[in-house]
Amino acid sequence: MIRYSALTVLSIIMMTAGGCVATTKAEKTYAEPLHDFRLTDTSLWFTVTSNGCTQLEHFDIVMQHADIPQLTVVRKKQDNCRRKRRALDIEYPLSMVGIDATTAFTIGNPFIPFRKQIFK
């Protein structure tokens, strides 16, 4: 009977730990704070903070369709490098987003103006 109780307790602990892992993964995806945002005829350009390893593949562009669509730059992979923080321009082709340069939209990201003291 004691073995059965220990097995039950161990099962509950394992299920709880599995739930924590799932929550942690979901928390890693977030709207990236932007320092700049530009739209050209062929690309979206946005400026983010990088620790040295940030790449285009670390981001997704999410369009929420409404009366006026909202575009959000979502970081899906953390930059865990330990180099000096710097502002980095990322070019995202409009063909990957599914919009053109005439599409009206709002931006769902927080905006942090570029200041050198941020990166010290």
PDB file of N, CA and C in Angstrom:
ATOM      1  N   MET A   1       0.817  -1.191   0.000  1.00  0.00           N
ATOM      2  CA  MET A   1       0.000   0.000   0.000  1.00  0.00           C
ATOM      3  C   MET A   1       0.863   1.258   0.000  1.00  0.00           C
ATOM      4  N   ILE A   2       1.982   1.238   0.718  1.00  0.00           N
ATOM      5  CA  ILE A   2       2.870   2.396   0.761  1.00  0.00           C
ATOM      6  C   ILE A   2       3.472   2.648  -0.619  1.00  0.00           C
ATOM      7  N   ARG A   3       3.817   1.598  -1.339  1.00  0.00           N
ATOM      8  CA  ARG A   3       4.349   1.751  -2.686  1.00  0.00           C
ATOM      9  C   ARG A   3       3.351   2.440  -3.602  1.00  0.00           C
ATOM     10  N   TYR A   4       2.111   2.078  -3.484  1.00  0.00           N
ATOM     11  CA  TYR A   4       1.070   2.682  -4.310  1.00  0.00           C
ATOM     12  C   TYR A   4       0.969   4.176  -4.017  1.00  0.00           C
ATOM     13  N   SER A   5       1.061   4.574  -2.770  1.00  0.00           N
ATOM     14  CA  SER A   5       1.012   5.991  -2.402  1.00  0.00           C
ATOM     15  C   SER A   5       2.213   6.732  -2.962  1.00  0.00           C
ATOM     16  N   ALA A   6       3.376   6.157  -2.856  1.00  0.00           N
ATOM     17  CA  ALA A   6       4.584   6.805  -3.372  1.00  0.00           C
ATOM     18  C   ALA A   6       4.492   6.960  -4.886  1.00  0.00           C
ATOM     19  N   LEU A   7       3.972   5.946  -5.564  1.00  0.00           N
ATOM     20  CA  LEU A   7       3.811   6.016  -7.014  1.00  0.00           C
ATOM     21  C   LEU A   7       2.801   7.099  -7.398  1.00  0.00           C
ATOM     22  N   THR A   8       1.737   7.202  -6.635  1.00  0.00           N
ATOM     23  CA  THR A   8       0.731   8.234  -6.894  1.00  0.00           C
ATOM     24  C   THR A   8       1.328   9.620  -6.719  1.00  0.00           C
ATOM     25  N   VAL A   9       2.056   9.821  -5.628  1.00  0.00           N
ATOM     26  CA  VAL A   9       2.689  11.120  -5.366  1.00  0.00           C
ATOM     27  C   VAL A   9       3.691  11.445  -6.465  1.00  0.00           C
ATOM     28  N   LEU A  10       4.492  10.475  -6.871  1.00  0.00           N
ATOM     29  CA  LEU A  10       5.471  10.689  -7.930  1.00  0.00           C
ATOM     30  C   LEU A  10       4.779  11.055  -9.246  1.00  0.00           C
ATOM     31  N   SER A  11       3.669  10.400  -9.553  1.00  0.00           N
ATOM     32  CA  SER A  11       2.920  10.719 -10.778  1.00  0.00           C
ATOM     33  C   SER A  11       2.393  12.143 -10.750  1.00  0.00           C
ATOM     34  N   ILE A  12       1.877  12.567  -9.608  1.00  0.00           N
ATOM     35  CA  ILE A  12       1.365  13.936  -9.476  1.00  0.00           C
ATOM     36  C   ILE A  12       2.489  14.942  -9.661  1.00  0.00           C
ATOM     37  N   ILE A  13       3.638  14.676  -9.077  1.00  0.00           N
ATOM     38  CA  ILE A  13       4.793  15.578  -9.222  1.00  0.00           C
ATOM     39  C   ILE A  13       5.216  15.667 -10.685  1.00  0.00           C
ATOM     40  N   MET A  14       5.264  14.546 -11.385  1.00  0.00           N
ATOM     41  CA  MET A  14       5.675  14.544 -12.790  1.00  0.00           C
ATOM     42  C   MET A  14       4.678  15.315 -13.654  1.00  0.00           C
ATOM     43  N   MET A  15       3.374  15.165 -13.391  1.00  0.00           N
ATOM     44  CA  MET A  15       2.372  15.896 -14.169  1.00  0.00           C
ATOM     45  C   MET A  15       2.485  17.393 -13.914  1.00  0.00           C
ATOM     46  N   THR A  16       2.736  17.764 -12.672  1.00  0.00           N
ATOM     47  CA  THR A  16       2.883  19.180 -12.337  1.00  0.00           C
ATOM     48  C   THR A  16       4.122  19.759 -13.004  1.00  0.00           C
ATOM     49  N   ALA A  17       5.226  19.034 -12.973  1.00  0.00           N
ATOM     50  CA  ALA A  17       6.458  19.518 -13.605  1.00  0.00           C
ATOM     51  C   ALA A  17       6.270  19.654 -15.109  1.00  0.00           C
ATOM     52  N   GLY A  18       5.564  18.741 -15.729  1.00  0.00           N
ATOM     53  CA  GLY A  18       5.291  18.841 -17.162  1.00  0.00           C
ATOM     54  C   GLY A  18       4.492  20.078 -17.494  1.00  0.00           C
ATOM     55  N   GLY A  19       3.551  20.431 -16.654  1.00  0.00           N
ATOM     56  CA  GLY A  19       2.774  21.652 -16.854  1.00  0.00           C
ATOM     57  C   GLY A  19       3.637  22.890 -16.763  1.00  0.00           C
ATOM     58  N   CYS A  20       4.619  22.891 -15.862  1.00  0.00           N
ATOM     59  CA  CYS A  20       5.521  24.044 -15.733  1.00  0.00           C
ATOM     60  C   CYS A  20       6.365  24.214 -16.987  1.00  0.00           C
ATOM     61  N   VAL A  21       6.827  23.125 -17.549  1.00  0.00           N
ATOM     62  CA  VAL A  21       7.631  23.211 -18.763  1.00  0.00           C
ATOM     63  C   VAL A  21       6.808  23.795 -19.901  1.00  0.00           C
ATOM     64  N   ALA A  22       5.568  23.355 -20.030  1.00  0.00           N
ATOM     65  CA  ALA A  22       4.711  23.869 -21.096  1.00  0.00           C
ATOM     66  C   ALA A  22       4.459  25.355 -20.915  1.00  0.00           C
ATOM     67  N   THR A  23       4.270  25.799 -19.689  1.00  0.00           N
ATOM     68  CA  THR A  23       4.048  27.218 -19.418  1.00  0.00           C
ATOM     69  C   THR A  23       5.288  28.020 -19.767  1.00  0.00           C
ATOM     70  N   THR A  24       6.461  27.520 -19.433  1.00  0.00           N
ATOM     71  CA  THR A  24       7.699  28.235 -19.715  1.00  0.00           C
ATOM     72  C   THR A  24       7.886  28.416 -21.215  1.00  0.00           C
ATOM     73  N   LYS A  25       7.626  27.378 -22.012  1.00  0.00           N
ATOM     74  CA  LYS A  25       7.775  27.505 -23.460  1.00  0.00           C
ATOM     75  C   LYS A  25       6.836  28.556 -24.021  1.00  0.00           C
ATOM     76  N   ALA A  26       5.607  28.592 -23.531  1.00  0.00           N
ATOM     77  CA  ALA A  26       4.636  29.564 -24.032  1.00  0.00           C
ATOM     78  C   ALA A  26       5.060  30.983 -23.682  1.00  0.00           C
ATOM     79  N   GLU A  27       5.739  31.174 -22.562  1.00  0.00           N
ATOM     80  CA  GLU A  27       6.140  32.505 -22.131  1.00  0.00           C
ATOM     81  C   GLU A  27       7.296  33.059 -22.965  1.00  0.00           C
ATOM     82  N   LYS A  28       8.007  32.229 -23.706  1.00  0.00           N
ATOM     83  CA  LYS A  28       9.160  32.688 -24.469  1.00  0.00           C
ATOM     84  C   LYS A  28       8.773  33.436 -25.740  1.00  0.00           C
ATOM     85  N   THR A  29       7.549  33.299 -26.194  1.00  0.00           N
ATOM     86  CA  THR A  29       7.085  33.999 -27.386  1.00  0.00           C
ATOM     87  C   THR A  29       6.383  35.271 -26.948  1.00  0.00           C
ATOM     88  N   TYR A  30       6.851  36.418 -27.452  1.00  0.00           N
ATOM     89  CA  TYR A  30       6.262  37.690 -27.022  1.00  0.00           C
ATOM     90  C   TYR A  30       6.439  38.753 -28.094  1.00  0.00           C
ATOM     91  N   ALA A  31       5.641  39.812 -27.974  1.00  0.00           N
ATOM     92  CA  ALA A  31       5.768  40.953 -28.887  1.00  0.00           C
ATOM     93  C   ALA A  31       7.080  41.663 -28.560  1.00  0.00           C
ATOM     94  N   GLU A  32       7.968  41.699 -29.521  1.00  0.00           N
ATOM     95  CA  GLU A  32       9.307  42.270 -29.331  1.00  0.00           C
ATOM     96  C   GLU A  32       9.241  43.797 -29.243  1.00  0.00           C
ATOM     97  N   PRO A  33       9.851  44.399 -28.229  1.00  0.00           N
ATOM     98  CA  PRO A  33       9.950  45.867 -28.216  1.00  0.00           C
ATOM     99  C   PRO A  33      10.777  46.342 -29.415  1.00  0.00           C
ATOM    100  N   LEU A  34      10.277  47.340 -30.119  1.00  0.00           N
ATOM    101  CA  LEU A  34      10.944  47.859 -31.319  1.00  0.00           C
ATOM    102  C   LEU A  34      11.541  49.227 -31.044  1.00  0.00           C
ATOM    103  N   HIS A  35      12.693  49.500 -31.692  1.00  0.00           N
ATOM    104  CA  HIS A  35      13.325  50.826 -31.628  1.00  0.00           C
ATOM    105  C   HIS A  35      12.994  51.647 -32.869  1.00  0.00           C
ATOM    106  N   ASP A  36      12.651  50.969 -33.958  1.00  0.00           N
ATOM    107  CA  ASP A  36      12.324  51.648 -35.211  1.00  0.00           C
ATOM    108  C   ASP A  36      11.511  50.681 -36.067  1.00  0.00           C
ATOM    109  N   PHE A  37      10.730  51.231 -36.980  1.00  0.00           N
ATOM    110  CA  PHE A  37       9.923  50.422 -37.890  1.00  0.00           C
ATOM    111  C   PHE A  37       9.779  51.198 -39.188  1.00  0.00           C
ATOM    112  N   ARG A  38      10.109  50.545 -40.317  1.00  0.00           N
ATOM    113  CA  ARG A  38      10.008  51.197 -41.626  1.00  0.00           C
ATOM    114  C   ARG A  38       9.367  50.230 -42.614  1.00  0.00           C
ATOM    115  N   LEU A  39       8.651  50.804 -43.561  1.00  0.00           N
ATOM    116  CA  LEU A  39       8.014  50.021 -44.613  1.00  0.00           C
ATOM    117  C   LEU A  39       8.494  50.551 -45.951  1.00  0.00           C
ATOM    118  N   THR A  40       9.031  49.655 -46.791  1.00  0.00           N
ATOM    119  CA  THR A  40       9.432  50.027 -48.147  1.00  0.00           C
ATOM    120  C   THR A  40       8.505  49.312 -49.125  1.00  0.00           C
ATOM    121  N   ASP A  41       8.768  49.457 -50.407  1.00  0.00           N
ATOM    122  CA  ASP A  41       7.938  48.790 -51.417  1.00  0.00           C
ATOM    123  C   ASP A  41       8.031  47.268 -51.340  1.00  0.00           C
ATOM    124  N   THR A  42       9.144  46.744 -50.817  1.00  0.00           N
ATOM    125  CA  THR A  42       9.355  45.297 -50.825  1.00  0.00           C
ATOM    126  C   THR A  42       9.588  44.679 -49.450  1.00  0.00           C
ATOM    127  N   SER A  43       9.826  45.503 -48.410  1.00  0.00           N
ATOM    128  CA  SER A  43      10.230  44.947 -47.114  1.00  0.00           C
ATOM    129  C   SER A  43       9.674  45.724 -45.931  1.00  0.00           C
ATOM    130  N   LEU A  44       9.606  45.011 -44.800  1.00  0.00           N
ATOM    131  CA  LEU A  44       9.432  45.634 -43.493  1.00  0.00           C
ATOM    132  C   LEU A  44      10.820  45.690 -42.874  1.00  0.00           C
ATOM    133  N   TRP A  45      11.177  46.802 -42.309  1.00  0.00           N
ATOM    134  CA  TRP A  45      12.430  46.933 -41.572  1.00  0.00           C
ATOM    135  C   TRP A  45      12.064  47.268 -40.141  1.00  0.00           C
ATOM    136  N   PHE A  46      12.631  46.551 -39.193  1.00  0.00           N
ATOM    137  CA  PHE A  46      12.414  46.906 -37.798  1.00  0.00           C
ATOM    138  C   PHE A  46      13.728  46.769 -37.047  1.00  0.00           C
ATOM    139  N   THR A  47      13.876  47.571 -36.005  1.00  0.00           N
ATOM    140  CA  THR A  47      15.103  47.591 -35.218  1.00  0.00           C
ATOM    141  C   THR A  47      14.802  47.034 -33.835  1.00  0.00           C
ATOM    142  N   VAL A  48      15.606  46.051 -33.422  1.00  0.00           N
ATOM    143  CA  VAL A  48      15.430  45.382 -32.131  1.00  0.00           C
ATOM    144  C   VAL A  48      16.748  45.401 -31.361  1.00  0.00           C
ATOM    145  N   THR A  49      16.686  45.028 -30.101  1.00  0.00           N
ATOM    146  CA  THR A  49      17.892  44.876 -29.294  1.00  0.00           C
ATOM    147  C   THR A  49      18.467  43.487 -29.530  1.00  0.00           C
ATOM    148  N   SER A  50      19.777  43.423 -29.759  1.00  0.00           N
ATOM    149  CA  SER A  50      20.453  42.147 -29.979  1.00  0.00           C
ATOM    150  C   SER A  50      21.621  42.017 -29.012  1.00  0.00           C
ATOM    151  N   ASN A  51      21.836  40.797 -28.537  1.00  0.00           N
ATOM    152  CA  ASN A  51      23.018  40.492 -27.730  1.00  0.00           C
ATOM    153  C   ASN A  51      24.095  39.835 -28.583  1.00  0.00           C
ATOM    154  N   GLY A  52      23.906  39.834 -29.903  1.00  0.00           N
ATOM    155  CA  GLY A  52      24.926  39.312 -30.798  1.00  0.00           C
ATOM    156  C   GLY A  52      24.503  38.147 -31.667  1.00  0.00           C
ATOM    157  N   CYS A  53      23.390  37.492 -31.358  1.00  0.00           N
ATOM    158  CA  CYS A  53      22.997  36.299 -32.114  1.00  0.00           C
ATOM    159  C   CYS A  53      21.624  36.408 -32.774  1.00  0.00           C
ATOM    160  N   THR A  54      20.979  37.548 -32.702  1.00  0.00           N
ATOM    161  CA  THR A  54      19.638  37.710 -33.269  1.00  0.00           C
ATOM    162  C   THR A  54      19.674  37.582 -34.785  1.00  0.00           C
ATOM    163  N   GLN A  55      18.719  36.819 -35.338  1.00  0.00           N
ATOM    164  CA  GLN A  55      18.604  36.612 -36.780  1.00  0.00           C
ATOM    165  C   GLN A  55      17.146  36.749 -37.209  1.00  0.00           C
ATOM    166  N   LEU A  56      16.923  36.901 -38.496  1.00  0.00           N
ATOM    167  CA  LEU A  56      15.578  36.998 -39.064  1.00  0.00           C
ATOM    168  C   LEU A  56      14.703  35.824 -38.626  1.00  0.00           C
ATOM    169  N   GLU A  57      15.269  34.631 -38.591  1.00  0.00           N
ATOM    170  CA  GLU A  57      14.513  33.423 -38.260  1.00  0.00           C
ATOM    171  C   GLU A  57      13.992  33.422 -36.829  1.00  0.00           C
ATOM    172  N   HIS A  58      14.466  34.331 -35.996  1.00  0.00           N
ATOM    173  CA  HIS A  58      14.021  34.402 -34.601  1.00  0.00           C
ATOM    174  C   HIS A  58      12.671  35.092 -34.458  1.00  0.00           C
ATOM    175  N   PHE A  59      12.116  35.601 -35.574  1.00  0.00           N
ATOM    176  CA  PHE A  59      10.891  36.390 -35.518  1.00  0.00           C
ATOM    177  C   PHE A  59       9.809  35.820 -36.423  1.00  0.00           C
ATOM    178  N   ASP A  60       8.574  36.039 -36.013  1.00  0.00           N
ATOM    179  CA  ASP A  60       7.401  35.810 -36.850  1.00  0.00           C
ATOM    180  C   ASP A  60       6.652  37.127 -36.939  1.00  0.00           C
ATOM    181  N   ILE A  61       5.981  37.334 -38.043  1.00  0.00           N
ATOM    182  CA  ILE A  61       5.099  38.485 -38.198  1.00  0.00           C
ATOM    183  C   ILE A  61       3.673  37.950 -38.102  1.00  0.00           C
ATOM    184  N   VAL A  62       2.924  38.461 -37.155  1.00  0.00           N
ATOM    185  CA  VAL A  62       1.548  38.019 -36.942  1.00  0.00           C
ATOM    186  C   VAL A  62       0.611  39.145 -37.354  1.00  0.00           C
ATOM    187  N   MET A  63      -0.327  38.832 -38.246  1.00  0.00           N
ATOM    188  CA  MET A  63      -1.342  39.801 -38.672  1.00  0.00           C
ATOM    189  C   MET A  63      -2.676  39.392 -38.063  1.00  0.00           C
ATOM    190  N   GLN A  64      -3.247  40.270 -37.258  1.00  0.00           N
ATOM    191  CA  GLN A  64      -4.591  40.058 -36.730  1.00  0.00           C
ATOM    192  C   GLN A  64      -5.530  40.884 -37.591  1.00  0.00           C
ATOM    193  N   HIS A  65      -6.420  40.207 -38.269  1.00  0.00           N
ATOM    194  CA  HIS A  65      -7.309  40.898 -39.203  1.00  0.00           C
ATOM    195  C   HIS A  65      -8.526  41.444 -38.468  1.00  0.00           C
ATOM    196  N   ALA A  66      -8.786  42.712 -38.682  1.00  0.00           N
ATOM    197  CA  ALA A  66      -9.934  43.419 -38.099  1.00  0.00           C
ATOM    198  C   ALA A  66     -10.289  44.531 -39.072  1.00  0.00           C
ATOM    199  N   ASP A  67     -11.062  45.522 -38.617  1.00  0.00           N
ATOM    200  CA  ASP A  67     -11.362  46.669 -39.485  1.00  0.00           C
ATOM    201  C   ASP A  67     -10.067  47.280 -40.004  1.00  0.00           C
ATOM    202  N   ILE A  68      -9.129  47.493 -39.078  1.00  0.00           N
ATOM    203  CA  ILE A  68      -7.768  47.895 -39.447  1.00  0.00           C
ATOM    204  C   ILE A  68      -6.858  46.789 -38.917  1.00  0.00           C
ATOM    205  N   PRO A  69      -6.198  46.029 -39.793  1.00  0.00           N
ATOM    206  CA  PRO A  69      -5.349  44.924 -39.337  1.00  0.00           C
ATOM    207  C   PRO A  69      -4.231  45.408 -38.411  1.00  0.00           C
ATOM    208  N   GLN A  70      -3.835  44.519 -37.483  1.00  0.00           N
ATOM    209  CA  GLN A  70      -2.731  44.837 -36.580  1.00  0.00           C
ATOM    210  C   GLN A  70      -1.584  43.875 -36.844  1.00  0.00           C
ATOM    211  N   LEU A  71      -0.402  44.429 -37.092  1.00  0.00           N
ATOM    212  CA  LEU A  71       0.807  43.653 -37.334  1.00  0.00           C
ATOM    213  C   LEU A  71       1.626  43.651 -36.053  1.00  0.00           C
ATOM    214  N   THR A  72       2.083  42.469 -35.638  1.00  0.00           N
ATOM    215  CA  THR A  72       2.916  42.349 -34.444  1.00  0.00           C
ATOM    216  C   THR A  72       4.156  41.536 -34.786  1.00  0.00           C
ATOM    217  N   VAL A  73       5.325  42.061 -34.428  1.00  0.00           N
ATOM    218  CA  VAL A  73       6.588  41.340 -34.579  1.00  0.00           C
ATOM    219  C   VAL A  73       6.758  40.511 -33.309  1.00  0.00           C
ATOM    220  N   VAL A  74       6.774  39.180 -33.468  1.00  0.00           N
ATOM    221  CA  VAL A  74       6.847  38.271 -32.329  1.00  0.00           C
ATOM    222  C   VAL A  74       8.202  37.587 -32.325  1.00  0.00           C
ATOM    223  N   ARG A  75       8.900  37.662 -31.187  1.00  0.00           N
ATOM    224  CA  ARG A  75      10.178  36.945 -31.049  1.00  0.00           C
ATOM    225  C   ARG A  75       9.859  35.527 -30.603  1.00  0.00           C
ATOM    226  N   LYS A  76      10.349  34.547 -31.386  1.00  0.00           N
ATOM    227  CA  LYS A  76      10.097  33.149 -31.049  1.00  0.00           C
ATOM    228  C   LYS A  76      11.345  32.436 -30.537  1.00  0.00           C
ATOM    229  N   LYS A  77      12.508  33.087 -30.645  1.00  0.00           N
ATOM    230  CA  LYS A  77      13.743  32.505 -30.114  1.00  0.00           C
ATOM    231  C   LYS A  77      14.544  33.599 -29.425  1.00  0.00           C
ATOM    232  N   GLN A  78      14.948  33.331 -28.194  1.00  0.00           N
ATOM    233  CA  GLN A  78      15.721  34.291 -27.415  1.00  0.00           C
ATOM    234  C   GLN A  78      17.143  34.420 -27.959  1.00  0.00           C
ATOM    235  N   ASP A  79      17.727  35.576 -27.763  1.00  0.00           N
ATOM    236  CA  ASP A  79      19.136  35.820 -28.085  1.00  0.00           C
ATOM    237  C   ASP A  79      19.903  35.698 -26.772  1.00  0.00           C
ATOM    238  N   ASN A  80      20.492  34.530 -26.539  1.00  0.00           N
ATOM    239  CA  ASN A  80      21.178  34.266 -25.276  1.00  0.00           C
ATOM    240  C   ASN A  80      22.679  34.512 -25.338  1.00  0.00           C
ATOM    241  N   CYS A  81      23.152  35.155 -26.398  1.00  0.00           N
ATOM    242  CA  CYS A  81      24.571  35.487 -26.476  1.00  0.00           C
ATOM    243  C   CYS A  81      24.913  36.505 -25.395  1.00  0.00           C
ATOM    244  N   ARG A  82      26.198  36.661 -25.128  1.00  0.00           N
ATOM    245  CA  ARG A  82      26.633  37.546 -24.050  1.00  0.00           C
ATOM    246  C   ARG A  82      27.486  38.703 -24.540  1.00  0.00           C
ATOM    247  N   ARG A  83      27.330  39.041 -25.810  1.00  0.00           N
ATOM    248  CA  ARG A  83      28.069  40.190 -26.335  1.00  0.00           C
ATOM    249  C   ARG A  83      27.401  41.480 -25.883  1.00  0.00           C
ATOM    250  N   LYS A  84      28.020  42.593 -26.208  1.00  0.00           N
ATOM    251  CA  LYS A  84      27.457  43.891 -25.852  1.00  0.00           C
ATOM    252  C   LYS A  84      26.132  44.099 -26.592  1.00  0.00           C
ATOM    253  N   ARG A  85      25.117  44.568 -25.872  1.00  0.00           N
ATOM    254  CA  ARG A  85      23.812  44.823 -26.483  1.00  0.00           C
ATOM    255  C   ARG A  85      23.931  45.940 -27.504  1.00  0.00           C
ATOM    256  N   ARG A  86      23.198  45.764 -28.612  1.00  0.00           N
ATOM    257  CA  ARG A  86      23.212  46.783 -29.657  1.00  0.00           C
ATOM    258  C   ARG A  86      21.882  46.760 -30.397  1.00  0.00           C
ATOM    259  N   ALA A  87      21.616  47.836 -31.106  1.00  0.00           N
ATOM    260  CA  ALA A  87      20.427  47.894 -31.958  1.00  0.00           C
ATOM    261  C   ALA A  87      20.747  47.178 -33.263  1.00  0.00           C
ATOM    262  N   LEU A  88      19.810  46.366 -33.741  1.00  0.00           N
ATOM    263  CA  LEU A  88      20.016  45.589 -34.961  1.00  0.00           C
ATOM    264  C   LEU A  88      18.817  45.770 -35.881  1.00  0.00           C
ATOM    265  N   ASP A  89      19.082  46.122 -37.142  1.00  0.00           N
ATOM    266  CA  ASP A  89      18.026  46.240 -38.153  1.00  0.00           C
ATOM    267  C   ASP A  89      17.752  44.873 -38.763  1.00  0.00           C
ATOM    268  N   ILE A  90      16.483  44.516 -38.839  1.00  0.00           N
ATOM    269  CA  ILE A  90      16.047  43.261 -39.453  1.00  0.00           C
ATOM    270  C   ILE A  90      15.174  43.604 -40.654  1.00  0.00           C
ATOM    271  N   GLU A  91      15.459  42.976 -41.795  1.00  0.00           N
ATOM    272  CA  GLU A  91      14.636  43.158 -42.992  1.00  0.00           C
ATOM    273  C   GLU A  91      13.761  41.923 -43.171  1.00  0.00           C
ATOM    274  N   TYR A  92      12.467  42.133 -43.267  1.00  0.00           N
ATOM    275  CA  TYR A  92      11.507  41.049 -43.433  1.00  0.00           C
ATOM    276  C   TYR A  92      10.769  41.276 -44.747  1.00  0.00           C
ATOM    277  N   PRO A  93      10.941  40.410 -45.750  1.00  0.00           N
ATOM    278  CA  PRO A  93      10.293  40.617 -47.050  1.00  0.00           C
ATOM    279  C   PRO A  93       8.764  40.645 -46.938  1.00  0.00           C
ATOM    280  N   LEU A  94       8.136  41.593 -47.609  1.00  0.00           N
ATOM    281  CA  LEU A  94       6.673  41.695 -47.581  1.00  0.00           C
ATOM    282  C   LEU A  94       6.011  40.426 -48.108  1.00  0.00           C
ATOM    283  N   SER A  95       6.674  39.740 -49.028  1.00  0.00           N
ATOM    284  CA  SER A  95       6.105  38.503 -49.574  1.00  0.00           C
ATOM    285  C   SER A  95       5.924  37.440 -48.483  1.00  0.00           C
ATOM    286  N   MET A  96       6.759  37.475 -47.443  1.00  0.00           N
ATOM    287  CA  MET A  96       6.636  36.532 -46.331  1.00  0.00           C
ATOM    288  C   MET A  96       5.510  36.928 -45.379  1.00  0.00           C
ATOM    289  N   VAL A  97       5.116  38.202 -45.401  1.00  0.00           N
ATOM    290  CA  VAL A  97       4.084  38.708 -44.498  1.00  0.00           C
ATOM    291  C   VAL A  97       2.697  38.549 -45.111  1.00  0.00           C
ATOM    292  N   GLY A  98       2.616  38.636 -46.432  1.00  0.00           N
ATOM    293  CA  GLY A  98       1.333  38.530 -47.106  1.00  0.00           C
ATOM    294  C   GLY A  98       0.606  39.856 -47.240  1.00  0.00           C
ATOM    295  N   ILE A  99       1.359  40.951 -47.220  1.00  0.00           N
ATOM    296  CA  ILE A  99       0.774  42.278 -47.443  1.00  0.00           C
ATOM    297  C   ILE A  99       1.604  42.995 -48.497  1.00  0.00           C
ATOM    298  N   ASP A 100       1.107  44.138 -48.959  1.00  0.00           N
ATOM    299  CA  ASP A 100       1.920  44.964 -49.851  1.00  0.00           C
ATOM    300  C   ASP A 100       2.101  46.336 -49.205  1.00  0.00           C
ATOM    301  N   ALA A 101       2.849  47.184 -49.860  1.00  0.00           N
ATOM    302  CA  ALA A 101       3.214  48.484 -49.285  1.00  0.00           C
ATOM    303  C   ALA A 101       2.029  49.432 -49.152  1.00  0.00           C
ATOM    304  N   THR A 102       0.892  49.099 -49.755  1.00  0.00           N
ATOM    305  CA  THR A 102      -0.282  49.979 -49.668  1.00  0.00           C
ATOM    306  C   THR A 102      -1.273  49.541 -48.590  1.00  0.00           C
ATOM    307  N   THR A 103      -1.009  48.418 -47.924  1.00  0.00           N
ATOM    308  CA  THR A 103      -1.908  47.909 -46.891  1.00  0.00           C
ATOM    309  C   THR A 103      -1.859  48.800 -45.652  1.00  0.00           C
ATOM    310  N   ALA A 104      -3.019  49.199 -45.158  1.00  0.00           N
ATOM    311  CA  ALA A 104      -3.090  49.978 -43.916  1.00  0.00           C
ATOM    312  C   ALA A 104      -3.115  49.012 -42.732  1.00  0.00           C
ATOM    313  N   PHE A 105      -2.320  49.287 -41.710  1.00  0.00           N
ATOM    314  CA  PHE A 105      -2.298  48.447 -40.516  1.00  0.00           C
ATOM    315  C   PHE A 105      -1.753  49.242 -39.342  1.00  0.00           C
ATOM    316  N   THR A 106      -1.996  48.738 -38.139  1.00  0.00           N
ATOM    317  CA  THR A 106      -1.392  49.300 -36.935  1.00  0.00           C
ATOM    318  C   THR A 106      -0.323  48.329 -36.458  1.00  0.00           C
ATOM    319  N   ILE A 107       0.522  48.782 -35.540  1.00  0.00           N
ATOM    320  CA  ILE A 107       1.602  47.946 -35.010  1.00  0.00           C
ATOM    321  C   ILE A 107       1.294  47.620 -33.555  1.00  0.00           C
ATOM    322  N   GLY A 108       1.356  46.339 -33.206  1.00  0.00           N
ATOM    323  CA  GLY A 108       1.024  45.890 -31.858  1.00  0.00           C
ATOM    324  C   GLY A 108       2.203  45.781 -30.913  1.00  0.00           C
ATOM    325  N   ASN A 109       3.374  46.212 -31.326  1.00  0.00           N
ATOM    326  CA  ASN A 109       4.568  46.100 -30.484  1.00  0.00           C
ATOM    327  C   ASN A 109       4.761  47.336 -29.620  1.00  0.00           C
ATOM    328  N   PRO A 110       5.383  47.145 -28.440  1.00  0.00           N
ATOM    329  CA  PRO A 110       5.808  48.318 -27.681  1.00  0.00           C
ATOM    330  C   PRO A 110       6.950  49.009 -28.422  1.00  0.00           C
ATOM    331  N   PHE A 111       7.068  50.300 -28.251  1.00  0.00           N
ATOM    332  CA  PHE A 111       8.110  51.074 -28.929  1.00  0.00           C
ATOM    333  C   PHE A 111       9.020  51.703 -27.886  1.00  0.00           C
ATOM    334  N   ILE A 112      10.329  51.478 -28.026  1.00  0.00           N
ATOM    335  CA  ILE A 112      11.327  52.069 -27.140  1.00  0.00           C
ATOM    336  C   ILE A 112      12.251  52.901 -28.014  1.00  0.00           C
ATOM    337  N   PRO A 113      12.193  54.232 -27.919  1.00  0.00           N
ATOM    338  CA  PRO A 113      13.065  55.065 -28.753  1.00  0.00           C
ATOM    339  C   PRO A 113      14.532  54.684 -28.548  1.00  0.00           C
ATOM    340  N   PHE A 114      15.294  54.730 -29.631  1.00  0.00           N
ATOM    341  CA  PHE A 114      16.715  54.398 -29.567  1.00  0.00           C
ATOM    342  C   PHE A 114      17.468  55.479 -28.798  1.00  0.00           C
ATOM    343  N   ARG A 115      18.174  55.056 -27.772  1.00  0.00           N
ATOM    344  CA  ARG A 115      19.062  55.944 -27.019  1.00  0.00           C
ATOM    345  C   ARG A 115      20.317  55.151 -26.698  1.00  0.00           C
ATOM    346  N   LYS A 116      21.463  55.767 -26.869  1.00  0.00           N
ATOM    347  CA  LYS A 116      22.720  55.050 -26.635  1.00  0.00           C
ATOM    348  C   LYS A 116      22.818  54.508 -25.217  1.00  0.00           C
ATOM    349  N   GLN A 117      22.259  55.224 -24.220  1.00  0.00           N
ATOM    350  CA  GLN A 117      22.396  54.766 -22.841  1.00  0.00           C
ATOM    351  C   GLN A 117      21.665  53.443 -22.581  1.00  0.00           C
ATOM    352  N   ILE A 118      20.717  53.068 -23.443  1.00  0.00           N
ATOM    353  CA  ILE A 118      20.038  51.780 -23.300  1.00  0.00           C
ATOM    354  C   ILE A 118      21.043  50.641 -23.462  1.00  0.00           C
ATOM    355  N   PHE A 119      22.038  50.836 -24.290  1.00  0.00           N
ATOM    356  CA  PHE A 119      22.939  49.749 -24.680  1.00  0.00           C
ATOM    357  C   PHE A 119      24.263  49.742 -23.928  1.00  0.00           C
ATOM    358  N   LYS A 120      24.364  50.456 -22.836  1.00  0.00           N
ATOM    359  CA  LYS A 120      25.620  50.447 -22.059  1.00  0.00           C
ATOM    360  C   LYS A 120      25.700  49.241 -21.179  1.00  0.00           C
TER     361      LYS A 120
END
